[in-house]
Amino acid sequence: SEPVQNLEFQFNLPTPFNFSTPDMLYHMEDTNICSQTLSKEMYAKNTGDLTLEIRRLEVSGTECGLDGFVVHTCKGFALEPGESTKLLISYQPDFSAAMIQR
């Protein structure tokens, strides 16, 4: 297995743009995605010969979460050789407005 360098969350939404007037670049219609939480399960596995101790989990340098990303059950753990454990990572957009205009 390969080390994880990044995680991608696929929204699979229809195109959210409404080009209603030529002078407006675009605006995003109100969608339910702003309140949905998306989750991914990952597995950490010790493929070595010694006990692996995980002391800290970070998201972009911040312990346990940042900008809507959260590592659930964010605490240290140890894995014996060949042992694995499930990690749950979730993302919830933290937009405070129902509509975003640009």
PDB file of N, CA and C in Angstrom:
ATOM      1  N   SER A   1       0.835  -1.189   0.000  1.00  0.00           N
ATOM      2  CA  SER A   1       0.000   0.000   0.000  1.00  0.00           C
ATOM      3  C   SER A   1       0.876   1.248   0.000  1.00  0.00           C
ATOM      4  N   GLU A   2       0.316   2.334  -0.494  1.00  0.00           N
ATOM      5  CA  GLU A   2       1.037   3.596  -0.651  1.00  0.00           C
ATOM      6  C   GLU A   2       0.707   4.556   0.494  1.00  0.00           C
ATOM      7  N   PRO A   3       1.672   5.381   0.920  1.00  0.00           N
ATOM      8  CA  PRO A   3       1.356   6.414   1.909  1.00  0.00           C
ATOM      9  C   PRO A   3       0.372   7.427   1.323  1.00  0.00           C
ATOM     10  N   VAL A   4      -0.505   7.958   2.151  1.00  0.00           N
ATOM     11  CA  VAL A   4      -1.494   8.934   1.688  1.00  0.00           C
ATOM     12  C   VAL A   4      -0.865  10.321   1.698  1.00  0.00           C
ATOM     13  N   GLN A   5      -0.890  10.992   0.553  1.00  0.00           N
ATOM     14  CA  GLN A   5      -0.380  12.354   0.451  1.00  0.00           C
ATOM     15  C   GLN A   5      -1.503  13.382   0.427  1.00  0.00           C
ATOM     16  N   ASN A   6      -2.675  12.977  -0.082  1.00  0.00           N
ATOM     17  CA  ASN A   6      -3.825  13.881  -0.107  1.00  0.00           C
ATOM     18  C   ASN A   6      -5.106  13.074  -0.177  1.00  0.00           C
ATOM     19  N   LEU A   7      -6.210  13.734   0.130  1.00  0.00           N
ATOM     20  CA  LEU A   7      -7.540  13.133   0.066  1.00  0.00           C
ATOM     21  C   LEU A   7      -8.406  14.005  -0.807  1.00  0.00           C
ATOM     22  N   GLU A   8      -9.207  13.398  -1.657  1.00  0.00           N
ATOM     23  CA  GLU A   8     -10.127  14.154  -2.491  1.00  0.00           C
ATOM     24  C   GLU A   8     -11.552  13.773  -2.138  1.00  0.00           C
ATOM     25  N   PHE A   9     -12.393  14.775  -1.972  1.00  0.00           N
ATOM     26  CA  PHE A   9     -13.812  14.578  -1.702  1.00  0.00           C
ATOM     27  C   PHE A   9     -14.567  14.954  -2.965  1.00  0.00           C
ATOM     28  N   GLN A  10     -15.280  14.011  -3.561  1.00  0.00           N
ATOM     29  CA  GLN A  10     -16.044  14.254  -4.784  1.00  0.00           C
ATOM     30  C   GLN A  10     -17.456  14.682  -4.429  1.00  0.00           C
ATOM     31  N   PHE A  11     -17.849  15.867  -4.889  1.00  0.00           N
ATOM     32  CA  PHE A  11     -19.183  16.372  -4.584  1.00  0.00           C
ATOM     33  C   PHE A  11     -20.236  15.859  -5.552  1.00  0.00           C
ATOM     34  N   ASN A  12     -19.889  15.636  -6.827  1.00  0.00           N
ATOM     35  CA  ASN A  12     -20.818  15.132  -7.845  1.00  0.00           C
ATOM     36  C   ASN A  12     -22.111  15.939  -7.905  1.00  0.00           C
ATOM     37  N   LEU A  13     -21.962  17.242  -7.970  1.00  0.00           N
ATOM     38  CA  LEU A  13     -23.114  18.131  -8.062  1.00  0.00           C
ATOM     39  C   LEU A  13     -23.326  18.565  -9.503  1.00  0.00           C
ATOM     40  N   PRO A  14     -24.557  18.928  -9.861  1.00  0.00           N
ATOM     41  CA  PRO A  14     -24.759  19.534 -11.168  1.00  0.00           C
ATOM     42  C   PRO A  14     -24.059  20.888 -11.190  1.00  0.00           C
ATOM     43  N   THR A  15     -23.794  21.400 -12.373  1.00  0.00           N
ATOM     44  CA  THR A  15     -23.120  22.679 -12.498  1.00  0.00           C
ATOM     45  C   THR A  15     -23.895  23.750 -11.735  1.00  0.00           C
ATOM     46  N   PRO A  16     -23.263  24.388 -10.732  1.00  0.00           N
ATOM     47  CA  PRO A  16     -23.992  25.305  -9.866  1.00  0.00           C
ATOM     48  C   PRO A  16     -23.982  26.756 -10.327  1.00  0.00           C
ATOM     49  N   PHE A  17     -23.610  27.021 -11.560  1.00  0.00           N
ATOM     50  CA  PHE A  17     -23.494  28.397 -12.001  1.00  0.00           C
ATOM     51  C   PHE A  17     -24.724  28.848 -12.771  1.00  0.00           C
ATOM     52  N   ASN A  18     -25.068  30.099 -12.599  1.00  0.00           N
ATOM     53  CA  ASN A  18     -26.191  30.699 -13.302  1.00  0.00           C
ATOM     54  C   ASN A  18     -25.683  31.979 -13.946  1.00  0.00           C
ATOM     55  N   PHE A  19     -25.452  31.945 -15.248  1.00  0.00           N
ATOM     56  CA  PHE A  19     -24.943  33.103 -15.965  1.00  0.00           C
ATOM     57  C   PHE A  19     -26.117  33.970 -16.402  1.00  0.00           C
ATOM     58  N   SER A  20     -26.723  34.677 -15.455  1.00  0.00           N
ATOM     59  CA  SER A  20     -27.967  35.380 -15.739  1.00  0.00           C
ATOM     60  C   SER A  20     -27.769  36.742 -16.371  1.00  0.00           C
ATOM     61  N   THR A  21     -26.690  37.447 -16.034  1.00  0.00           N
ATOM     62  CA  THR A  21     -26.461  38.756 -16.639  1.00  0.00           C
ATOM     63  C   THR A  21     -25.024  38.846 -17.112  1.00  0.00           C
ATOM     64  N   PRO A  22     -24.769  39.552 -18.205  1.00  0.00           N
ATOM     65  CA  PRO A  22     -23.413  39.626 -18.741  1.00  0.00           C
ATOM     66  C   PRO A  22     -22.440  40.356 -17.815  1.00  0.00           C
ATOM     67  N   ASP A  23     -22.924  41.316 -17.023  1.00  0.00           N
ATOM     68  CA  ASP A  23     -22.006  42.076 -16.173  1.00  0.00           C
ATOM     69  C   ASP A  23     -21.654  41.345 -14.876  1.00  0.00           C
ATOM     70  N   MET A  24     -22.374  40.290 -14.544  1.00  0.00           N
ATOM     71  CA  MET A  24     -22.069  39.502 -13.349  1.00  0.00           C
ATOM     72  C   MET A  24     -21.231  38.307 -13.781  1.00  0.00           C
ATOM     73  N   LEU A  25     -20.096  38.097 -13.104  1.00  0.00           N
ATOM     74  CA  LEU A  25     -19.257  36.958 -13.461  1.00  0.00           C
ATOM     75  C   LEU A  25     -20.030  35.656 -13.307  1.00  0.00           C
ATOM     76  N   TYR A  26     -20.534  35.407 -12.153  1.00  0.00           N
ATOM     77  CA  TYR A  26     -21.416  34.267 -11.905  1.00  0.00           C
ATOM     78  C   TYR A  26     -21.909  34.362 -10.483  1.00  0.00           C
ATOM     79  N   HIS A  27     -22.916  33.624 -10.169  1.00  0.00           N
ATOM     80  CA  HIS A  27     -23.283  33.433  -8.767  1.00  0.00           C
ATOM     81  C   HIS A  27     -23.686  31.990  -8.560  1.00  0.00           C
ATOM     82  N   MET A  28     -23.454  31.521  -7.366  1.00  0.00           N
ATOM     83  CA  MET A  28     -23.719  30.126  -7.045  1.00  0.00           C
ATOM     84  C   MET A  28     -25.103  30.030  -6.431  1.00  0.00           C
ATOM     85  N   GLU A  29     -25.910  29.161  -6.978  1.00  0.00           N
ATOM     86  CA  GLU A  29     -27.252  28.965  -6.439  1.00  0.00           C
ATOM     87  C   GLU A  29     -27.172  28.267  -5.088  1.00  0.00           C
ATOM     88  N   ASP A  30     -28.178  28.466  -4.301  1.00  0.00           N
ATOM     89  CA  ASP A  30     -28.270  27.810  -3.000  1.00  0.00           C
ATOM     90  C   ASP A  30     -28.363  26.298  -3.210  1.00  0.00           C
ATOM     91  N   THR A  31     -27.447  25.557  -2.621  1.00  0.00           N
ATOM     92  CA  THR A  31     -27.469  24.099  -2.721  1.00  0.00           C
ATOM     93  C   THR A  31     -27.374  23.513  -1.320  1.00  0.00           C
ATOM     94  N   ASN A  32     -27.785  22.284  -1.195  1.00  0.00           N
ATOM     95  CA  ASN A  32     -27.725  21.611   0.097  1.00  0.00           C
ATOM     96  C   ASN A  32     -26.323  21.164   0.467  1.00  0.00           C
ATOM     97  N   ILE A  33     -25.380  21.219  -0.473  1.00  0.00           N
ATOM     98  CA  ILE A  33     -24.032  20.741  -0.187  1.00  0.00           C
ATOM     99  C   ILE A  33     -23.388  21.544   0.936  1.00  0.00           C
ATOM    100  N   CYS A  34     -23.811  22.784   1.124  1.00  0.00           N
ATOM    101  CA  CYS A  34     -23.217  23.630   2.165  1.00  0.00           C
ATOM    102  C   CYS A  34     -23.495  23.105   3.565  1.00  0.00           C
ATOM    103  N   SER A  35     -24.454  22.239   3.711  1.00  0.00           N
ATOM    104  CA  SER A  35     -24.754  21.704   5.037  1.00  0.00           C
ATOM    105  C   SER A  35     -24.476  20.207   5.135  1.00  0.00           C
ATOM    106  N   GLN A  36     -23.986  19.605   4.066  1.00  0.00           N
ATOM    107  CA  GLN A  36     -23.720  18.161   4.088  1.00  0.00           C
ATOM    108  C   GLN A  36     -22.304  17.887   4.575  1.00  0.00           C
ATOM    109  N   THR A  37     -22.161  16.836   5.338  1.00  0.00           N
ATOM    110  CA  THR A  37     -20.846  16.384   5.759  1.00  0.00           C
ATOM    111  C   THR A  37     -20.441  15.211   4.877  1.00  0.00           C
ATOM    112  N   LEU A  38     -19.247  15.287   4.320  1.00  0.00           N
ATOM    113  CA  LEU A  38     -18.706  14.211   3.495  1.00  0.00           C
ATOM    114  C   LEU A  38     -17.629  13.506   4.306  1.00  0.00           C
ATOM    115  N   SER A  39     -17.575  12.185   4.220  1.00  0.00           N
ATOM    116  CA  SER A  39     -16.618  11.420   5.019  1.00  0.00           C
ATOM    117  C   SER A  39     -15.847  10.430   4.166  1.00  0.00           C
ATOM    118  N   LYS A  40     -14.632  10.150   4.599  1.00  0.00           N
ATOM    119  CA  LYS A  40     -13.785   9.125   3.979  1.00  0.00           C
ATOM    120  C   LYS A  40     -13.212   8.259   5.092  1.00  0.00           C
ATOM    121  N   GLU A  41     -13.188   6.968   4.846  1.00  0.00           N
ATOM    122  CA  GLU A  41     -12.519   6.044   5.761  1.00  0.00           C
ATOM    123  C   GLU A  41     -11.136   5.750   5.206  1.00  0.00           C
ATOM    124  N   MET A  42     -10.145   5.804   6.068  1.00  0.00           N
ATOM    125  CA  MET A  42      -8.776   5.453   5.699  1.00  0.00           C
ATOM    126  C   MET A  42      -8.291   4.433   6.719  1.00  0.00           C
ATOM    127  N   TYR A  43      -7.319   3.663   6.330  1.00  0.00           N
ATOM    128  CA  TYR A  43      -6.753   2.680   7.244  1.00  0.00           C
ATOM    129  C   TYR A  43      -5.260   2.930   7.380  1.00  0.00           C
ATOM    130  N   ALA A  44      -4.802   3.013   8.616  1.00  0.00           N
ATOM    131  CA  ALA A  44      -3.378   3.099   8.905  1.00  0.00           C
ATOM    132  C   ALA A  44      -2.918   1.685   9.232  1.00  0.00           C
ATOM    133  N   LYS A  45      -1.847   1.249   8.568  1.00  0.00           N
ATOM    134  CA  LYS A  45      -1.349  -0.111   8.797  1.00  0.00           C
ATOM    135  C   LYS A  45       0.143  -0.063   9.067  1.00  0.00           C
ATOM    136  N   ASN A  46       0.565  -0.795  10.055  1.00  0.00           N
ATOM    137  CA  ASN A  46       1.977  -0.912  10.370  1.00  0.00           C
ATOM    138  C   ASN A  46       2.554  -2.060   9.549  1.00  0.00           C
ATOM    139  N   THR A  47       3.331  -1.720   8.539  1.00  0.00           N
ATOM    140  CA  THR A  47       3.937  -2.740   7.678  1.00  0.00           C
ATOM    141  C   THR A  47       5.367  -3.061   8.105  1.00  0.00           C
ATOM    142  N   GLY A  48       5.796  -2.469   9.219  1.00  0.00           N
ATOM    143  CA  GLY A  48       7.151  -2.706   9.705  1.00  0.00           C
ATOM    144  C   GLY A  48       7.234  -3.868  10.672  1.00  0.00           C
ATOM    145  N   ASP A  49       8.415  -3.986  11.299  1.00  0.00           N
ATOM    146  CA  ASP A  49       8.679  -5.078  12.230  1.00  0.00           C
ATOM    147  C   ASP A  49       8.609  -4.654  13.695  1.00  0.00           C
ATOM    148  N   LEU A  50       8.464  -3.359  13.949  1.00  0.00           N
ATOM    149  CA  LEU A  50       8.414  -2.837  15.310  1.00  0.00           C
ATOM    150  C   LEU A  50       7.079  -2.143  15.553  1.00  0.00           C
ATOM    151  N   THR A  51       6.740  -1.937  16.819  1.00  0.00           N
ATOM    152  CA  THR A  51       5.516  -1.211  17.158  1.00  0.00           C
ATOM    153  C   THR A  51       5.607   0.215  16.626  1.00  0.00           C
ATOM    154  N   LEU A  52       4.533   0.674  16.000  1.00  0.00           N
ATOM    155  CA  LEU A  52       4.451   2.035  15.461  1.00  0.00           C
ATOM    156  C   LEU A  52       3.580   2.864  16.396  1.00  0.00           C
ATOM    157  N   GLU A  53       4.137   3.956  16.910  1.00  0.00           N
ATOM    158  CA  GLU A  53       3.389   4.825  17.816  1.00  0.00           C
ATOM    159  C   GLU A  53       3.025   6.121  17.094  1.00  0.00           C
ATOM    160  N   ILE A  54       1.732   6.402  17.016  1.00  0.00           N
ATOM    161  CA  ILE A  54       1.230   7.643  16.430  1.00  0.00           C
ATOM    162  C   ILE A  54       0.890   8.552  17.598  1.00  0.00           C
ATOM    163  N   ARG A  55       1.560   9.680  17.671  1.00  0.00           N
ATOM    164  CA  ARG A  55       1.344  10.586  18.802  1.00  0.00           C
ATOM    165  C   ARG A  55       0.372  11.711  18.480  1.00  0.00           C
ATOM    166  N   ARG A  56       0.268  12.071  17.205  1.00  0.00           N
ATOM    167  CA  ARG A  56      -0.512  13.254  16.850  1.00  0.00           C
ATOM    168  C   ARG A  56      -1.014  13.127  15.418  1.00  0.00           C
ATOM    169  N   LEU A  57      -2.253  13.568  15.169  1.00  0.00           N
ATOM    170  CA  LEU A  57      -2.825  13.613  13.829  1.00  0.00           C
ATOM    171  C   LEU A  57      -3.106  15.070  13.495  1.00  0.00           C
ATOM    172  N   GLU A  58      -2.670  15.514  12.308  1.00  0.00           N
ATOM    173  CA  GLU A  58      -2.817  16.911  11.918  1.00  0.00           C
ATOM    174  C   GLU A  58      -3.492  17.053  10.568  1.00  0.00           C
ATOM    175  N   VAL A  59      -4.164  18.173  10.384  1.00  0.00           N
ATOM    176  CA  VAL A  59      -4.700  18.589   9.089  1.00  0.00           C
ATOM    177  C   VAL A  59      -4.032  19.918   8.780  1.00  0.00           C
ATOM    178  N   SER A  60      -3.171  19.935   7.778  1.00  0.00           N
ATOM    179  CA  SER A  60      -2.432  21.147   7.387  1.00  0.00           C
ATOM    180  C   SER A  60      -1.755  21.809   8.588  1.00  0.00           C
ATOM    181  N   GLY A  61      -1.131  21.012   9.434  1.00  0.00           N
ATOM    182  CA  GLY A  61      -0.379  21.533  10.561  1.00  0.00           C
ATOM    183  C   GLY A  61      -1.182  21.840  11.808  1.00  0.00           C
ATOM    184  N   THR A  62      -2.491  21.653  11.764  1.00  0.00           N
ATOM    185  CA  THR A  62      -3.347  21.922  12.921  1.00  0.00           C
ATOM    186  C   THR A  62      -3.880  20.603  13.464  1.00  0.00           C
ATOM    187  N   GLU A  63      -3.752  20.429  14.771  1.00  0.00           N
ATOM    188  CA  GLU A  63      -4.156  19.159  15.373  1.00  0.00           C
ATOM    189  C   GLU A  63      -5.650  18.907  15.219  1.00  0.00           C
ATOM    190  N   CYS A  64      -5.992  17.776  14.671  1.00  0.00           N
ATOM    191  CA  CYS A  64      -7.350  17.221  14.555  1.00  0.00           C
ATOM    192  C   CYS A  64      -8.258  17.850  13.503  1.00  0.00           C
ATOM    193  N   GLY A  65      -8.003  19.046  13.025  1.00  0.00           N
ATOM    194  CA  GLY A  65      -8.889  19.602  12.014  1.00  0.00           C
ATOM    195  C   GLY A  65      -8.597  21.042  11.673  1.00  0.00           C
ATOM    196  N   LEU A  66      -9.105  21.457  10.493  1.00  0.00           N
ATOM    197  CA  LEU A  66      -8.927  22.829  10.027  1.00  0.00           C
ATOM    198  C   LEU A  66      -9.827  23.065   8.832  1.00  0.00           C
ATOM    199  N   ASP A  67     -10.421  24.245   8.758  1.00  0.00           N
ATOM    200  CA  ASP A  67     -11.209  24.679   7.594  1.00  0.00           C
ATOM    201  C   ASP A  67     -12.272  23.675   7.181  1.00  0.00           C
ATOM    202  N   GLY A  68     -12.984  23.124   8.132  1.00  0.00           N
ATOM    203  CA  GLY A  68     -14.062  22.194   7.823  1.00  0.00           C
ATOM    204  C   GLY A  68     -13.645  20.734   7.808  1.00  0.00           C
ATOM    205  N   PHE A  69     -12.339  20.442   7.812  1.00  0.00           N
ATOM    206  CA  PHE A  69     -11.847  19.066   7.846  1.00  0.00           C
ATOM    207  C   PHE A  69     -11.667  18.637   9.295  1.00  0.00           C
ATOM    208  N   VAL A  70     -12.079  17.403   9.608  1.00  0.00           N
ATOM    209  CA  VAL A  70     -11.983  16.885  10.973  1.00  0.00           C
ATOM    210  C   VAL A  70     -11.497  15.442  10.930  1.00  0.00           C
ATOM    211  N   VAL A  71     -10.531  15.130  11.797  1.00  0.00           N
ATOM    212  CA  VAL A  71     -10.120  13.747  12.021  1.00  0.00           C
ATOM    213  C   VAL A  71     -10.870  13.286  13.265  1.00  0.00           C
ATOM    214  N   HIS A  72     -11.766  12.322  13.113  1.00  0.00           N
ATOM    215  CA  HIS A  72     -12.558  11.830  14.242  1.00  0.00           C
ATOM    216  C   HIS A  72     -11.693  10.915  15.101  1.00  0.00           C
ATOM    217  N   THR A  73     -12.013  10.838  16.358  1.00  0.00           N
ATOM    218  CA  THR A  73     -11.227  10.069  17.326  1.00  0.00           C
ATOM    219  C   THR A  73      -9.758  10.456  17.182  1.00  0.00           C
ATOM    220  N   CYS A  74      -9.515  11.727  17.320  1.00  0.00           N
ATOM    221  CA  CYS A  74      -8.184  12.290  17.110  1.00  0.00           C
ATOM    222  C   CYS A  74      -7.358  12.178  18.386  1.00  0.00           C
ATOM    223  N   LYS A  75      -6.743  11.040  18.539  1.00  0.00           N
ATOM    224  CA  LYS A  75      -5.853  10.825  19.677  1.00  0.00           C
ATOM    225  C   LYS A  75      -4.771   9.852  19.237  1.00  0.00           C
ATOM    226  N   GLY A  76      -3.696   9.821  19.977  1.00  0.00           N
ATOM    227  CA  GLY A  76      -2.606   8.931  19.642  1.00  0.00           C
ATOM    228  C   GLY A  76      -2.985   7.464  19.797  1.00  0.00           C
ATOM    229  N   PHE A  77      -2.242   6.620  19.111  1.00  0.00           N
ATOM    230  CA  PHE A  77      -2.476   5.178  19.201  1.00  0.00           C
ATOM    231  C   PHE A  77      -1.200   4.451  18.802  1.00  0.00           C
ATOM    232  N   ALA A  78      -1.153   3.179  19.067  1.00  0.00           N
ATOM    233  CA  ALA A  78      -0.011   2.346  18.698  1.00  0.00           C
ATOM    234  C   ALA A  78      -0.508   1.178  17.857  1.00  0.00           C
ATOM    235  N   LEU A  79       0.310   0.798  16.892  1.00  0.00           N
ATOM    236  CA  LEU A  79      -0.003  -0.354  16.041  1.00  0.00           C
ATOM    237  C   LEU A  79       1.137  -1.356  16.121  1.00  0.00           C
ATOM    238  N   GLU A  80       0.793  -2.578  16.430  1.00  0.00           N
ATOM    239  CA  GLU A  80       1.772  -3.661  16.416  1.00  0.00           C
ATOM    240  C   GLU A  80       2.065  -4.032  14.957  1.00  0.00           C
ATOM    241  N   PRO A  81       3.171  -4.719  14.681  1.00  0.00           N
ATOM    242  CA  PRO A  81       3.469  -5.124  13.305  1.00  0.00           C
ATOM    243  C   PRO A  81       2.299  -5.883  12.677  1.00  0.00           C
ATOM    244  N   GLY A  82       1.896  -5.464  11.484  1.00  0.00           N
ATOM    245  CA  GLY A  82       0.792  -6.096  10.768  1.00  0.00           C
ATOM    246  C   GLY A  82      -0.583  -5.598  11.177  1.00  0.00           C
ATOM    247  N   GLU A  83      -0.680  -4.842  12.250  1.00  0.00           N
ATOM    248  CA  GLU A  83      -1.967  -4.353  12.742  1.00  0.00           C
ATOM    249  C   GLU A  83      -2.389  -3.098  11.973  1.00  0.00           C
ATOM    250  N   SER A  84      -3.707  -2.909  11.860  1.00  0.00           N
ATOM    251  CA  SER A  84      -4.232  -1.708  11.203  1.00  0.00           C
ATOM    252  C   SER A  84      -5.396  -1.150  12.013  1.00  0.00           C
ATOM    253  N   THR A  85      -5.718   0.109  11.747  1.00  0.00           N
ATOM    254  CA  THR A  85      -6.852   0.755  12.401  1.00  0.00           C
ATOM    255  C   THR A  85      -7.523   1.704  11.420  1.00  0.00           C
ATOM    256  N   LYS A  86      -8.816   1.887  11.619  1.00  0.00           N
ATOM    257  CA  LYS A  86      -9.591   2.757  10.735  1.00  0.00           C
ATOM    258  C   LYS A  86      -9.530   4.190  11.241  1.00  0.00           C
ATOM    259  N   LEU A  87      -9.358   5.128  10.303  1.00  0.00           N
ATOM    260  CA  LEU A  87      -9.419   6.555  10.603  1.00  0.00           C
ATOM    261  C   LEU A  87     -10.566   7.145   9.798  1.00  0.00           C
ATOM    262  N   LEU A  88     -11.386   7.952  10.426  1.00  0.00           N
ATOM    263  CA  LEU A  88     -12.492   8.605   9.734  1.00  0.00           C
ATOM    264  C   LEU A  88     -12.165  10.088   9.602  1.00  0.00           C
ATOM    265  N   ILE A  89     -12.157  10.568   8.357  1.00  0.00           N
ATOM    266  CA  ILE A  89     -11.899  11.970   8.047  1.00  0.00           C
ATOM    267  C   ILE A  89     -13.172  12.527   7.432  1.00  0.00           C
ATOM    268  N   SER A  90     -13.618  13.680   7.901  1.00  0.00           N
ATOM    269  CA  SER A  90     -14.822  14.268   7.313  1.00  0.00           C
ATOM    270  C   SER A  90     -14.570  15.723   6.946  1.00  0.00           C
ATOM    271  N   TYR A  91     -15.423  16.206   6.051  1.00  0.00           N
ATOM    272  CA  TYR A  91     -15.365  17.602   5.621  1.00  0.00           C
ATOM    273  C   TYR A  91     -16.777  18.151   5.593  1.00  0.00           C
ATOM    274  N   GLN A  92     -16.961  19.277   6.227  1.00  0.00           N
ATOM    275  CA  GLN A  92     -18.226  19.997   6.146  1.00  0.00           C
ATOM    276  C   GLN A  92     -17.897  21.434   5.793  1.00  0.00           C
ATOM    277  N   PRO A  93     -18.403  21.901   4.644  1.00  0.00           N
ATOM    278  CA  PRO A  93     -18.145  23.290   4.270  1.00  0.00           C
ATOM    279  C   PRO A  93     -18.574  24.209   5.406  1.00  0.00           C
ATOM    280  N   ASP A  94     -17.740  25.187   5.699  1.00  0.00           N
ATOM    281  CA  ASP A  94     -18.059  26.082   6.807  1.00  0.00           C
ATOM    282  C   ASP A  94     -18.485  27.460   6.304  1.00  0.00           C
ATOM    283  N   PHE A  95     -19.276  27.462   5.238  1.00  0.00           N
ATOM    284  CA  PHE A  95     -19.814  28.712   4.715  1.00  0.00           C
ATOM    285  C   PHE A  95     -20.901  29.207   5.655  1.00  0.00           C
ATOM    286  N   SER A  96     -20.891  30.482   5.936  1.00  0.00           N
ATOM    287  CA  SER A  96     -21.916  31.028   6.824  1.00  0.00           C
ATOM    288  C   SER A  96     -23.102  31.597   6.058  1.00  0.00           C
ATOM    289  N   ALA A  97     -22.978  31.741   4.751  1.00  0.00           N
ATOM    290  CA  ALA A  97     -24.077  32.282   3.943  1.00  0.00           C
ATOM    291  C   ALA A  97     -24.684  31.183   3.087  1.00  0.00           C
ATOM    292  N   ALA A  98     -25.963  31.315   2.782  1.00  0.00           N
ATOM    293  CA  ALA A  98     -26.638  30.323   1.947  1.00  0.00           C
ATOM    294  C   ALA A  98     -26.239  30.469   0.489  1.00  0.00           C
ATOM    295  N   MET A  99     -25.787  31.654   0.077  1.00  0.00           N
ATOM    296  CA  MET A  99     -25.409  31.899  -1.314  1.00  0.00           C
ATOM    297  C   MET A  99     -24.072  32.625  -1.341  1.00  0.00           C
ATOM    298  N   ILE A 100     -23.207  32.212  -2.245  1.00  0.00           N
ATOM    299  CA  ILE A 100     -21.907  32.851  -2.404  1.00  0.00           C
ATOM    300  C   ILE A 100     -21.908  33.587  -3.726  1.00  0.00           C
ATOM    301  N   GLN A 101     -21.512  34.855  -3.708  1.00  0.00           N
ATOM    302  CA  GLN A 101     -21.431  35.641  -4.938  1.00  0.00           C
ATOM    303  C   GLN A 101     -19.996  36.056  -5.164  1.00  0.00           C
ATOM    304  N   ARG A 102     -19.584  36.048  -6.435  1.00  0.00           N
ATOM    305  CA  ARG A 102     -18.228  36.500  -6.790  1.00  0.00           C
ATOM    306  C   ARG A 102     -18.296  37.382  -7.991  1.00  0.00           C
TER     307      ARG A 102
END
